[in-house]
Amino acid sequence: MEIKRLTAADAKLVTELFDQYRVFYKQSSDQKLAEKFIKERLEKNESIIFVALIENIPAGFTQLYPTYSSVRAVKNWILNDLFVKENFRKQGVGEELIRTAMNFAASEGATFIQLETAKDNFNAQSLYESIGFTKQLPEYEFFSYKIPLTQ
């Protein structure tokens, strides 16, 4: 297995995986949208994407977004997306992608990586906890609020 950090020129390596990831989360398949979104994130340096290649076949990917804390004066990372193609699951691909993301974030001076997953995604929860992630309760330190901006 090879883990590769993507550039904008490599965006097509994860287009299909990103589309499948979105479908997993109940979105309509849209390869053009997937490619455009990934390419824009990479061109604008808005995210870091790692892809796992097995015999040059994209098996999985992870995408990280920066987050900043003014109080702590530090940049940390949100592991926003993690997806492994079904026929490559249970082979250590997800764990290797996460560990690569952790090493990258640590090398950038980050103090943590944060992620979220669906309450019913027990496989992902098991993986995260086996690596050492701890589940944060909603009332842990701060409450999270949001407001929609579109009508």
N, C-alpha and C. Protein backbone atom coordinates (compact mmCIF):
# COMPACT_ATOMS: atom_id res chain seq x y z
N MET A 1 0.85 -1.18 0.00
CA MET A 1 0.00 0.00 0.00
C MET A 1 0.89 1.24 0.00
N GLU A 2 0.52 2.19 -0.85
CA GLU A 2 1.22 3.47 -0.91
C GLU A 2 0.23 4.56 -0.52
N ILE A 3 0.64 5.47 0.36
CA ILE A 3 -0.17 6.61 0.71
C ILE A 3 0.45 7.83 0.03
N LYS A 4 -0.36 8.55 -0.71
CA LYS A 4 0.12 9.68 -1.49
C LYS A 4 -0.67 10.93 -1.12
N ARG A 5 0.05 12.04 -0.93
CA ARG A 5 -0.62 13.33 -0.73
C ARG A 5 -0.94 13.89 -2.11
N LEU A 6 -2.18 14.29 -2.31
CA LEU A 6 -2.62 14.75 -3.62
C LEU A 6 -2.29 16.22 -3.88
N THR A 7 -2.08 16.50 -5.14
CA THR A 7 -2.01 17.87 -5.64
C THR A 7 -3.25 18.05 -6.52
N ALA A 8 -3.49 19.27 -6.97
CA ALA A 8 -4.64 19.53 -7.83
C ALA A 8 -4.57 18.68 -9.10
N ALA A 9 -3.37 18.42 -9.59
CA ALA A 9 -3.20 17.61 -10.80
C ALA A 9 -3.63 16.16 -10.58
N ASP A 10 -3.67 15.72 -9.32
CA ASP A 10 -4.03 14.34 -8.98
C ASP A 10 -5.51 14.18 -8.61
N ALA A 11 -6.27 15.24 -8.68
CA ALA A 11 -7.65 15.23 -8.17
C ALA A 11 -8.48 14.05 -8.68
N LYS A 12 -8.27 13.66 -9.92
CA LYS A 12 -9.07 12.57 -10.50
C LYS A 12 -8.85 11.23 -9.79
N LEU A 13 -7.73 11.11 -9.07
CA LEU A 13 -7.48 9.85 -8.36
C LEU A 13 -8.55 9.56 -7.32
N VAL A 14 -9.17 10.60 -6.75
CA VAL A 14 -10.15 10.37 -5.69
C VAL A 14 -11.58 10.76 -6.08
N THR A 15 -11.78 11.20 -7.31
CA THR A 15 -13.12 11.63 -7.72
C THR A 15 -14.17 10.54 -7.49
N GLU A 16 -13.89 9.33 -7.96
CA GLU A 16 -14.86 8.24 -7.79
C GLU A 16 -15.05 7.91 -6.31
N LEU A 17 -13.95 7.87 -5.56
CA LEU A 17 -14.05 7.57 -4.12
C LEU A 17 -14.87 8.64 -3.41
N PHE A 18 -14.61 9.91 -3.73
CA PHE A 18 -15.34 11.00 -3.10
C PHE A 18 -16.83 10.92 -3.44
N ASP A 19 -17.14 10.59 -4.67
CA ASP A 19 -18.54 10.42 -5.07
C ASP A 19 -19.19 9.29 -4.27
N GLN A 20 -18.49 8.17 -4.13
CA GLN A 20 -19.03 7.04 -3.35
C GLN A 20 -19.21 7.42 -1.88
N TYR A 21 -18.29 8.21 -1.36
CA TYR A 21 -18.38 8.70 0.02
C TYR A 21 -19.66 9.53 0.20
N ARG A 22 -19.92 10.41 -0.74
CA ARG A 22 -21.11 11.25 -0.67
C ARG A 22 -22.38 10.40 -0.77
N VAL A 23 -22.37 9.39 -1.64
CA VAL A 23 -23.52 8.49 -1.77
C VAL A 23 -23.75 7.75 -0.45
N PHE A 24 -22.66 7.33 0.21
CA PHE A 24 -22.77 6.66 1.52
C PHE A 24 -23.54 7.53 2.50
N TYR A 25 -23.34 8.85 2.40
CA TYR A 25 -24.03 9.79 3.28
C TYR A 25 -25.31 10.36 2.63
N LYS A 26 -25.93 9.53 1.78
CA LYS A 26 -27.28 9.79 1.23
C LYS A 26 -27.36 10.98 0.28
N GLN A 27 -26.26 11.28 -0.42
CA GLN A 27 -26.28 12.31 -1.45
C GLN A 27 -26.38 11.63 -2.81
N SER A 28 -26.88 12.35 -3.79
CA SER A 28 -26.97 11.80 -5.15
C SER A 28 -25.58 11.72 -5.77
N SER A 29 -25.37 10.67 -6.54
CA SER A 29 -24.10 10.52 -7.25
C SER A 29 -23.95 11.65 -8.27
N ASP A 30 -22.77 12.26 -8.29
CA ASP A 30 -22.50 13.35 -9.23
C ASP A 30 -20.99 13.46 -9.39
N GLN A 31 -20.46 12.72 -10.36
CA GLN A 31 -19.02 12.67 -10.60
C GLN A 31 -18.44 14.05 -10.94
N LYS A 32 -19.17 14.84 -11.73
CA LYS A 32 -18.67 16.17 -12.10
C LYS A 32 -18.54 17.06 -10.88
N LEU A 33 -19.54 17.03 -10.02
CA LEU A 33 -19.51 17.82 -8.79
C LEU A 33 -18.35 17.35 -7.90
N ALA A 34 -18.18 16.05 -7.80
CA ALA A 34 -17.11 15.49 -6.97
C ALA A 34 -15.75 15.97 -7.46
N GLU A 35 -15.53 15.88 -8.75
CA GLU A 35 -14.24 16.30 -9.31
C GLU A 35 -14.01 17.79 -9.10
N LYS A 36 -15.04 18.59 -9.38
CA LYS A 36 -14.93 20.05 -9.22
C LYS A 36 -14.61 20.41 -7.76
N PHE A 37 -15.32 19.81 -6.83
CA PHE A 37 -15.14 20.11 -5.41
C PHE A 37 -13.72 19.77 -4.96
N ILE A 38 -13.28 18.57 -5.28
CA ILE A 38 -11.94 18.14 -4.87
C ILE A 38 -10.87 19.02 -5.50
N LYS A 39 -11.00 19.26 -6.79
CA LYS A 39 -10.00 20.07 -7.50
C LYS A 39 -9.92 21.48 -6.91
N GLU A 40 -11.07 22.08 -6.61
CA GLU A 40 -11.08 23.43 -6.02
C GLU A 40 -10.42 23.46 -4.65
N ARG A 41 -10.69 22.45 -3.82
CA ARG A 41 -10.08 22.44 -2.49
C ARG A 41 -8.55 22.40 -2.61
N LEU A 42 -8.07 21.58 -3.55
CA LEU A 42 -6.62 21.43 -3.71
C LEU A 42 -6.00 22.66 -4.37
N GLU A 43 -6.65 23.20 -5.39
CA GLU A 43 -6.11 24.39 -6.06
C GLU A 43 -6.02 25.59 -5.12
N LYS A 44 -6.99 25.71 -4.24
CA LYS A 44 -7.04 26.85 -3.31
C LYS A 44 -6.31 26.56 -1.99
N ASN A 45 -5.66 25.40 -1.90
CA ASN A 45 -4.96 24.99 -0.67
C ASN A 45 -5.88 25.06 0.55
N GLU A 46 -7.11 24.63 0.37
CA GLU A 46 -8.09 24.65 1.45
C GLU A 46 -8.17 23.33 2.20
N SER A 47 -7.60 22.29 1.64
CA SER A 47 -7.62 21.00 2.32
C SER A 47 -6.37 20.20 1.95
N ILE A 48 -6.14 19.17 2.73
CA ILE A 48 -5.07 18.21 2.48
C ILE A 48 -5.77 16.88 2.23
N ILE A 49 -5.41 16.21 1.14
CA ILE A 49 -6.02 14.92 0.82
C ILE A 49 -4.92 13.88 0.64
N PHE A 50 -5.11 12.76 1.31
CA PHE A 50 -4.23 11.61 1.14
C PHE A 50 -5.05 10.49 0.51
N VAL A 51 -4.45 9.78 -0.43
CA VAL A 51 -5.10 8.64 -1.06
C VAL A 51 -4.25 7.40 -0.80
N ALA A 52 -4.92 6.29 -0.54
CA ALA A 52 -4.25 5.00 -0.39
C ALA A 52 -4.34 4.28 -1.72
N LEU A 53 -3.19 3.88 -2.24
CA LEU A 53 -3.14 3.14 -3.50
C LEU A 53 -2.68 1.72 -3.24
N ILE A 54 -3.42 0.77 -3.75
CA ILE A 54 -3.03 -0.64 -3.67
C ILE A 54 -2.88 -1.12 -5.11
N GLU A 55 -1.66 -1.46 -5.47
CA GLU A 55 -1.33 -1.81 -6.85
C GLU A 55 -1.82 -0.72 -7.81
N ASN A 56 -1.56 0.53 -7.43
CA ASN A 56 -1.93 1.72 -8.20
C ASN A 56 -3.43 1.95 -8.34
N ILE A 57 -4.23 1.24 -7.56
CA ILE A 57 -5.68 1.42 -7.57
C ILE A 57 -6.08 2.23 -6.33
N PRO A 58 -6.80 3.34 -6.50
CA PRO A 58 -7.25 4.10 -5.33
C PRO A 58 -8.19 3.26 -4.46
N ALA A 59 -7.76 3.00 -3.25
CA ALA A 59 -8.52 2.15 -2.33
C ALA A 59 -9.28 2.95 -1.29
N GLY A 60 -8.79 4.14 -0.96
CA GLY A 60 -9.43 4.97 0.05
C GLY A 60 -8.78 6.34 0.09
N PHE A 61 -9.43 7.25 0.78
CA PHE A 61 -8.87 8.60 0.91
C PHE A 61 -9.29 9.21 2.24
N THR A 62 -8.57 10.24 2.63
CA THR A 62 -8.98 11.08 3.75
C THR A 62 -8.72 12.52 3.37
N GLN A 63 -9.59 13.40 3.86
CA GLN A 63 -9.46 14.83 3.60
C GLN A 63 -9.47 15.58 4.92
N LEU A 64 -8.50 16.45 5.08
CA LEU A 64 -8.35 17.25 6.30
C LEU A 64 -8.57 18.72 5.99
N TYR A 65 -9.24 19.40 6.89
CA TYR A 65 -9.40 20.85 6.80
C TYR A 65 -8.77 21.49 8.04
N PRO A 66 -8.14 22.65 7.85
CA PRO A 66 -7.57 23.32 9.02
C PRO A 66 -8.66 23.98 9.86
N THR A 67 -8.39 24.08 11.14
CA THR A 67 -9.23 24.83 12.06
C THR A 67 -8.29 25.59 12.97
N TYR A 68 -8.70 26.75 13.37
CA TYR A 68 -7.81 27.62 14.13
C TYR A 68 -8.43 27.95 15.48
N SER A 69 -7.58 28.08 16.48
CA SER A 69 -8.01 28.53 17.79
C SER A 69 -7.28 29.82 18.11
N SER A 70 -8.02 30.90 18.21
CA SER A 70 -7.42 32.18 18.59
C SER A 70 -6.95 32.14 20.03
N VAL A 71 -7.74 31.53 20.90
CA VAL A 71 -7.38 31.47 22.32
C VAL A 71 -6.09 30.70 22.52
N ARG A 72 -5.97 29.56 21.86
CA ARG A 72 -4.76 28.74 22.01
C ARG A 72 -3.67 29.15 21.02
N ALA A 73 -4.00 30.01 20.06
CA ALA A 73 -3.07 30.48 19.01
C ALA A 73 -2.41 29.30 18.31
N VAL A 74 -3.27 28.41 17.78
CA VAL A 74 -2.76 27.20 17.14
C VAL A 74 -3.69 26.80 15.99
N LYS A 75 -3.11 26.12 15.00
CA LYS A 75 -3.89 25.54 13.92
C LYS A 75 -3.96 24.03 14.16
N ASN A 76 -5.16 23.51 14.14
CA ASN A 76 -5.37 22.07 14.27
C ASN A 76 -6.08 21.60 13.02
N TRP A 77 -6.45 20.32 12.98
CA TRP A 77 -7.01 19.75 11.76
C TRP A 77 -8.28 18.98 12.06
N ILE A 78 -9.25 19.11 11.16
CA ILE A 78 -10.47 18.32 11.20
C ILE A 78 -10.33 17.24 10.14
N LEU A 79 -10.38 16.01 10.57
CA LEU A 79 -10.40 14.89 9.63
C LEU A 79 -11.86 14.78 9.20
N ASN A 80 -12.18 15.44 8.11
CA ASN A 80 -13.57 15.60 7.70
C ASN A 80 -14.10 14.39 6.92
N ASP A 81 -13.26 13.82 6.08
CA ASP A 81 -13.70 12.73 5.22
C ASP A 81 -12.73 11.55 5.32
N LEU A 82 -13.29 10.38 5.44
CA LEU A 82 -12.51 9.14 5.39
C LEU A 82 -13.39 8.11 4.70
N PHE A 83 -12.86 7.54 3.64
CA PHE A 83 -13.65 6.54 2.91
C PHE A 83 -12.70 5.49 2.36
N VAL A 84 -13.11 4.23 2.51
CA VAL A 84 -12.37 3.10 1.94
C VAL A 84 -13.36 2.31 1.09
N LYS A 85 -12.96 2.04 -0.13
CA LYS A 85 -13.78 1.26 -1.05
C LYS A 85 -14.10 -0.08 -0.40
N GLU A 86 -15.31 -0.56 -0.57
CA GLU A 86 -15.80 -1.74 0.14
C GLU A 86 -14.87 -2.96 0.00
N ASN A 87 -14.36 -3.22 -1.19
CA ASN A 87 -13.53 -4.42 -1.37
C ASN A 87 -12.12 -4.27 -0.77
N PHE A 88 -11.79 -3.09 -0.23
CA PHE A 88 -10.50 -2.89 0.42
C PHE A 88 -10.64 -2.73 1.94
N ARG A 89 -11.85 -2.85 2.45
CA ARG A 89 -12.06 -2.69 3.89
C ARG A 89 -11.50 -3.89 4.65
N LYS A 90 -11.21 -3.65 5.91
CA LYS A 90 -10.66 -4.67 6.82
C LYS A 90 -9.25 -5.09 6.41
N GLN A 91 -8.54 -4.21 5.69
CA GLN A 91 -7.16 -4.49 5.27
C GLN A 91 -6.19 -3.44 5.82
N GLY A 92 -6.66 -2.60 6.74
CA GLY A 92 -5.79 -1.61 7.35
C GLY A 92 -5.68 -0.30 6.59
N VAL A 93 -6.46 -0.13 5.53
CA VAL A 93 -6.38 1.07 4.71
C VAL A 93 -6.82 2.30 5.51
N GLY A 94 -7.97 2.21 6.17
CA GLY A 94 -8.47 3.34 6.96
C GLY A 94 -7.50 3.74 8.06
N GLU A 95 -7.00 2.74 8.77
CA GLU A 95 -6.05 3.04 9.85
C GLU A 95 -4.79 3.70 9.31
N GLU A 96 -4.28 3.22 8.20
CA GLU A 96 -3.07 3.81 7.62
C GLU A 96 -3.31 5.25 7.17
N LEU A 97 -4.47 5.52 6.60
CA LEU A 97 -4.80 6.89 6.21
C LEU A 97 -4.89 7.80 7.43
N ILE A 98 -5.51 7.33 8.50
CA ILE A 98 -5.63 8.13 9.72
C ILE A 98 -4.26 8.39 10.32
N ARG A 99 -3.43 7.36 10.38
CA ARG A 99 -2.09 7.54 10.96
C ARG A 99 -1.26 8.51 10.12
N THR A 100 -1.41 8.46 8.80
CA THR A 100 -0.72 9.41 7.93
C THR A 100 -1.21 10.82 8.23
N ALA A 101 -2.51 10.99 8.38
CA ALA A 101 -3.08 12.29 8.71
C ALA A 101 -2.55 12.79 10.05
N MET A 102 -2.47 11.89 11.04
CA MET A 102 -1.97 12.27 12.36
C MET A 102 -0.50 12.71 12.28
N ASN A 103 0.30 11.98 11.54
CA ASN A 103 1.72 12.34 11.39
C ASN A 103 1.86 13.69 10.68
N PHE A 104 1.05 13.90 9.65
CA PHE A 104 1.08 15.18 8.95
C PHE A 104 0.73 16.31 9.90
N ALA A 105 -0.38 16.18 10.62
CA ALA A 105 -0.83 17.24 11.54
C ALA A 105 0.22 17.52 12.61
N ALA A 106 0.81 16.47 13.15
CA ALA A 106 1.85 16.66 14.18
C ALA A 106 3.05 17.40 13.59
N SER A 107 3.41 17.08 12.36
CA SER A 107 4.55 17.75 11.72
C SER A 107 4.26 19.22 11.45
N GLU A 108 2.98 19.59 11.40
CA GLU A 108 2.56 20.98 11.20
C GLU A 108 2.38 21.72 12.52
N GLY A 109 2.65 21.04 13.65
CA GLY A 109 2.54 21.67 14.96
C GLY A 109 1.16 21.62 15.58
N ALA A 110 0.27 20.84 15.01
CA ALA A 110 -1.09 20.74 15.55
C ALA A 110 -1.08 20.04 16.90
N THR A 111 -2.06 20.38 17.72
CA THR A 111 -2.18 19.75 19.03
C THR A 111 -3.27 18.67 19.05
N PHE A 112 -4.14 18.67 18.02
CA PHE A 112 -5.14 17.60 17.94
C PHE A 112 -5.69 17.47 16.53
N ILE A 113 -6.31 16.33 16.29
CA ILE A 113 -7.16 16.10 15.11
C ILE A 113 -8.54 15.78 15.66
N GLN A 114 -9.52 16.38 15.04
CA GLN A 114 -10.90 16.18 15.44
C GLN A 114 -11.65 15.53 14.29
N LEU A 115 -12.63 14.70 14.59
CA LEU A 115 -13.48 14.11 13.56
C LEU A 115 -14.85 13.85 14.11
N GLU A 116 -15.78 13.63 13.20
CA GLU A 116 -17.14 13.27 13.56
C GLU A 116 -17.55 12.09 12.70
N THR A 117 -18.47 11.30 13.20
CA THR A 117 -19.05 10.22 12.40
C THR A 117 -20.49 10.02 12.83
N ALA A 118 -21.24 9.39 11.97
CA ALA A 118 -22.65 9.13 12.26
C ALA A 118 -22.78 8.22 13.49
N LYS A 119 -23.83 8.43 14.25
CA LYS A 119 -24.04 7.64 15.47
C LYS A 119 -24.19 6.16 15.18
N ASP A 120 -24.64 5.81 13.97
CA ASP A 120 -24.84 4.40 13.63
C ASP A 120 -23.67 3.81 12.82
N ASN A 121 -22.58 4.55 12.67
CA ASN A 121 -21.42 4.04 11.94
C ASN A 121 -20.47 3.36 12.93
N PHE A 122 -20.88 2.19 13.38
CA PHE A 122 -20.15 1.48 14.44
C PHE A 122 -18.77 1.00 14.00
N ASN A 123 -18.63 0.64 12.72
CA ASN A 123 -17.32 0.22 12.23
C ASN A 123 -16.31 1.36 12.36
N ALA A 124 -16.71 2.55 11.94
CA ALA A 124 -15.82 3.72 12.03
C ALA A 124 -15.51 4.03 13.49
N GLN A 125 -16.53 4.00 14.34
CA GLN A 125 -16.31 4.30 15.76
C GLN A 125 -15.30 3.33 16.36
N SER A 126 -15.44 2.07 16.02
CA SER A 126 -14.51 1.05 16.52
C SER A 126 -13.08 1.33 16.07
N LEU A 127 -12.93 1.69 14.80
CA LEU A 127 -11.60 2.02 14.27
C LEU A 127 -11.01 3.21 14.99
N TYR A 128 -11.77 4.30 15.10
CA TYR A 128 -11.26 5.51 15.74
C TYR A 128 -10.84 5.24 17.18
N GLU A 129 -11.67 4.51 17.91
CA GLU A 129 -11.36 4.22 19.31
C GLU A 129 -10.16 3.29 19.44
N SER A 130 -9.98 2.37 18.48
CA SER A 130 -8.82 1.46 18.55
C SER A 130 -7.51 2.22 18.32
N ILE A 131 -7.58 3.34 17.60
CA ILE A 131 -6.39 4.17 17.34
C ILE A 131 -6.10 5.07 18.54
N GLY A 132 -7.13 5.38 19.34
CA GLY A 132 -6.91 6.21 20.52
C GLY A 132 -7.78 7.46 20.57
N PHE A 133 -8.64 7.68 19.58
CA PHE A 133 -9.57 8.80 19.64
C PHE A 133 -10.53 8.58 20.79
N THR A 134 -10.91 9.66 21.47
CA THR A 134 -11.89 9.56 22.55
C THR A 134 -13.15 10.30 22.15
N LYS A 135 -14.28 9.71 22.47
CA LYS A 135 -15.58 10.29 22.14
C LYS A 135 -15.82 11.50 23.04
N GLN A 136 -16.14 12.62 22.42
CA GLN A 136 -16.42 13.84 23.17
C GLN A 136 -17.92 14.01 23.31
N LEU A 137 -18.37 14.21 24.52
CA LEU A 137 -19.79 14.42 24.75
C LEU A 137 -20.16 15.84 24.32
N PRO A 138 -21.40 16.04 23.88
CA PRO A 138 -21.80 17.39 23.43
C PRO A 138 -21.56 18.48 24.46
N GLU A 139 -21.69 18.16 25.72
CA GLU A 139 -21.51 19.18 26.75
C GLU A 139 -20.08 19.20 27.29
N TYR A 140 -19.16 18.56 26.57
CA TYR A 140 -17.78 18.39 27.02
C TYR A 140 -17.12 19.70 27.43
N GLU A 141 -17.02 20.65 26.52
CA GLU A 141 -16.36 21.91 26.84
C GLU A 141 -17.16 23.11 26.34
N PHE A 142 -17.67 22.98 25.14
CA PHE A 142 -18.45 24.04 24.53
C PHE A 142 -19.66 23.42 23.85
N PHE A 143 -20.70 24.20 23.67
CA PHE A 143 -21.84 23.77 22.88
C PHE A 143 -21.62 24.21 21.45
N SER A 144 -22.13 23.46 20.53
CA SER A 144 -22.04 23.80 19.12
C SER A 144 -23.41 24.29 18.66
N TYR A 145 -23.44 25.41 17.94
CA TYR A 145 -24.67 25.96 17.39
C TYR A 145 -24.48 26.16 15.89
N LYS A 146 -25.58 26.17 15.15
CA LYS A 146 -25.50 26.55 13.75
C LYS A 146 -26.83 27.16 13.33
N ILE A 147 -26.74 27.96 12.26
CA ILE A 147 -27.93 28.59 11.70
C ILE A 147 -27.84 28.49 10.19
N PRO A 148 -28.89 28.07 9.52
CA PRO A 148 -28.84 27.99 8.06
C PRO A 148 -28.80 29.41 7.47
N LEU A 149 -28.05 29.56 6.38
CA LEU A 149 -27.92 30.86 5.73
C LEU A 149 -28.64 30.95 4.40
N THR A 150 -29.23 29.84 3.97
CA THR A 150 -30.00 29.85 2.73
C THR A 150 -31.47 29.68 3.06
N GLN A 151 -32.31 30.28 2.24
CA GLN A 151 -33.76 30.25 2.48
C GLN A 151 -34.38 29.06 1.79
